[in-house]
Amino acid sequence: MAGLGGALGIYLAAGSVPGDPLGREDSKQYLRGMELYGGKANVLAAELMQWFQSLWHGKRLAVTVACITVLVAAVVWFVDPASQE
């Protein structure tokens, strides 16, 4: 319950997280330059890294904490036979 309570507290306290202040991720010129220097894999890796980093800020952090809490509780429930009695 502490994990879900913490997630609720984070969600209520968090504001929206702004993106890149320069707006580089959305510009066609920036993406073209990334593709030119590193290929499509570079663009995909940058998008994946940006998505992963977004999980640790704002309201997405609350969702991440809640999901991790539920996963850990499920693992403990399935692994510990005493918790099933």
C-alpha atoms as a PDB file:
ATOM      1  CA  MET A   1       0.000   0.000   0.000  1.00  0.00           C
ATOM      2  CA  ALA A   2       2.905   2.339   0.615  1.00  0.00           C
ATOM      3  CA  GLY A   3       3.981   2.120  -3.020  1.00  0.00           C
ATOM      4  CA  LEU A   4       0.531   2.924  -4.356  1.00  0.00           C
ATOM      5  CA  GLY A   5       0.137   5.699  -1.778  1.00  0.00           C
ATOM      6  CA  GLY A   6       3.479   7.127  -2.838  1.00  0.00           C
ATOM      7  CA  ALA A   7       2.448   6.926  -6.479  1.00  0.00           C
ATOM      8  CA  LEU A   8      -0.779   8.782  -5.688  1.00  0.00           C
ATOM      9  CA  GLY A   9       1.176  11.464  -3.823  1.00  0.00           C
ATOM     10  CA  ILE A  10       3.586  11.880  -6.726  1.00  0.00           C
ATOM     11  CA  TYR A  11       0.706  12.076  -9.202  1.00  0.00           C
ATOM     12  CA  LEU A  12      -1.109  14.764  -7.213  1.00  0.00           C
ATOM     13  CA  ALA A  13       2.056  16.815  -6.626  1.00  0.00           C
ATOM     14  CA  ALA A  14       3.492  16.536 -10.140  1.00  0.00           C
ATOM     15  CA  GLY A  15       2.971  19.069 -12.841  1.00  0.00           C
ATOM     16  CA  SER A  16       3.387  18.657 -16.534  1.00  0.00           C
ATOM     17  CA  VAL A  17       6.931  18.151 -17.745  1.00  0.00           C
ATOM     18  CA  PRO A  18       7.992  20.422 -20.593  1.00  0.00           C
ATOM     19  CA  GLY A  19       9.840  18.945 -23.547  1.00  0.00           C
ATOM     20  CA  ASP A  20      13.036  20.236 -25.039  1.00  0.00           C
ATOM     21  CA  PRO A  21      12.953  24.048 -24.726  1.00  0.00           C
ATOM     22  CA  LEU A  22      14.547  24.412 -28.144  1.00  0.00           C
ATOM     23  CA  GLY A  23      12.054  22.040 -29.759  1.00  0.00           C
ATOM     24  CA  ARG A  24      14.825  20.081 -31.480  1.00  0.00           C
ATOM     25  CA  GLU A  25      13.191  16.660 -31.214  1.00  0.00           C
ATOM     26  CA  ASP A  26      10.307  17.725 -33.413  1.00  0.00           C
ATOM     27  CA  SER A  27      12.194  19.588 -36.119  1.00  0.00           C
ATOM     28  CA  LYS A  28      12.690  17.839 -39.433  1.00  0.00           C
ATOM     29  CA  GLN A  29      16.163  19.333 -39.761  1.00  0.00           C
ATOM     30  CA  TYR A  30      17.268  17.867 -36.420  1.00  0.00           C
ATOM     31  CA  LEU A  31      15.900  14.413 -37.269  1.00  0.00           C
ATOM     32  CA  ARG A  32      17.465  14.549 -40.731  1.00  0.00           C
ATOM     33  CA  GLY A  33      20.855  15.396 -39.217  1.00  0.00           C
ATOM     34  CA  MET A  34      20.588  12.530 -36.754  1.00  0.00           C
ATOM     35  CA  GLU A  35      19.683  10.144 -39.558  1.00  0.00           C
ATOM     36  CA  LEU A  36      22.501  11.462 -41.739  1.00  0.00           C
ATOM     37  CA  TYR A  37      25.164  10.888 -39.072  1.00  0.00           C
ATOM     38  CA  GLY A  38      23.873   7.693 -37.487  1.00  0.00           C
ATOM     39  CA  GLY A  39      21.233   6.208 -39.726  1.00  0.00           C
ATOM     40  CA  LYS A  40      17.717   5.153 -38.817  1.00  0.00           C
ATOM     41  CA  ALA A  41      19.054   3.215 -35.834  1.00  0.00           C
ATOM     42  CA  ASN A  42      20.346   6.476 -34.353  1.00  0.00           C
ATOM     43  CA  VAL A  43      16.926   8.105 -34.659  1.00  0.00           C
ATOM     44  CA  LEU A  44      15.190   5.080 -33.129  1.00  0.00           C
ATOM     45  CA  ALA A  45      17.736   4.881 -30.293  1.00  0.00           C
ATOM     46  CA  ALA A  46      17.271   8.587 -29.533  1.00  0.00           C
ATOM     47  CA  GLU A  47      13.485   8.200 -29.483  1.00  0.00           C
ATOM     48  CA  LEU A  48      13.739   5.156 -27.206  1.00  0.00           C
ATOM     49  CA  MET A  49      16.099   6.969 -24.855  1.00  0.00           C
ATOM     50  CA  GLN A  50      13.822  10.030 -24.773  1.00  0.00           C
ATOM     51  CA  TRP A  51      10.808   7.815 -23.974  1.00  0.00           C
ATOM     52  CA  PHE A  52      12.681   5.968 -21.202  1.00  0.00           C
ATOM     53  CA  GLN A  53      13.860   9.224 -19.645  1.00  0.00           C
ATOM     54  CA  SER A  54      10.316  10.588 -19.702  1.00  0.00           C
ATOM     55  CA  LEU A  55       9.220   7.765 -17.399  1.00  0.00           C
ATOM     56  CA  TRP A  56      11.100   9.325 -14.483  1.00  0.00           C
ATOM     57  CA  HIS A  57       9.489  12.791 -14.437  1.00  0.00           C
ATOM     58  CA  GLY A  58       6.105  14.232 -13.569  1.00  0.00           C
ATOM     59  CA  LYS A  59       2.933  12.199 -13.706  1.00  0.00           C
ATOM     60  CA  ARG A  60       4.609   9.428 -15.676  1.00  0.00           C
ATOM     61  CA  LEU A  61       6.816   8.822 -12.634  1.00  0.00           C
ATOM     62  CA  ALA A  62       3.685   8.135 -10.594  1.00  0.00           C
ATOM     63  CA  VAL A  63       2.481   5.597 -13.168  1.00  0.00           C
ATOM     64  CA  THR A  64       5.939   3.999 -13.237  1.00  0.00           C
ATOM     65  CA  VAL A  65       6.011   3.707  -9.428  1.00  0.00           C
ATOM     66  CA  ALA A  66       2.512   2.201  -9.400  1.00  0.00           C
ATOM     67  CA  CYS A  67       3.431  -0.364 -12.076  1.00  0.00           C
ATOM     68  CA  ILE A  68       6.639  -1.351 -10.300  1.00  0.00           C
ATOM     69  CA  THR A  69       4.687  -1.705  -7.034  1.00  0.00           C
ATOM     70  CA  VAL A  70       2.108  -3.993  -8.634  1.00  0.00           C
ATOM     71  CA  LEU A  71       4.813  -6.089 -10.325  1.00  0.00           C
ATOM     72  CA  VAL A  72       6.778  -6.518  -7.096  1.00  0.00           C
ATOM     73  CA  ALA A  73       3.612  -7.443  -5.182  1.00  0.00           C
ATOM     74  CA  ALA A  74       2.703 -10.020  -7.846  1.00  0.00           C
ATOM     75  CA  VAL A  75       6.178 -11.565  -7.720  1.00  0.00           C
ATOM     76  CA  VAL A  76       6.074 -11.774  -3.923  1.00  0.00           C
ATOM     77  CA  TRP A  77       2.590 -13.294  -4.013  1.00  0.00           C
ATOM     78  CA  PHE A  78       3.554 -15.944  -6.579  1.00  0.00           C
ATOM     79  CA  VAL A  79       6.951 -16.785  -5.069  1.00  0.00           C
ATOM     80  CA  ASP A  80       6.062 -16.837  -1.363  1.00  0.00           C
ATOM     81  CA  PRO A  81       3.803 -19.824  -0.649  1.00  0.00           C
ATOM     82  CA  ALA A  82       2.934 -18.492   2.843  1.00  0.00           C
ATOM     83  CA  SER A  83       1.235 -15.437   1.322  1.00  0.00           C
ATOM     84  CA  GLN A  84      -1.273 -17.639  -0.529  1.00  0.00           C
ATOM     85  CA  GLU A  85      -2.819 -19.194   2.621  1.00  0.00           C
END
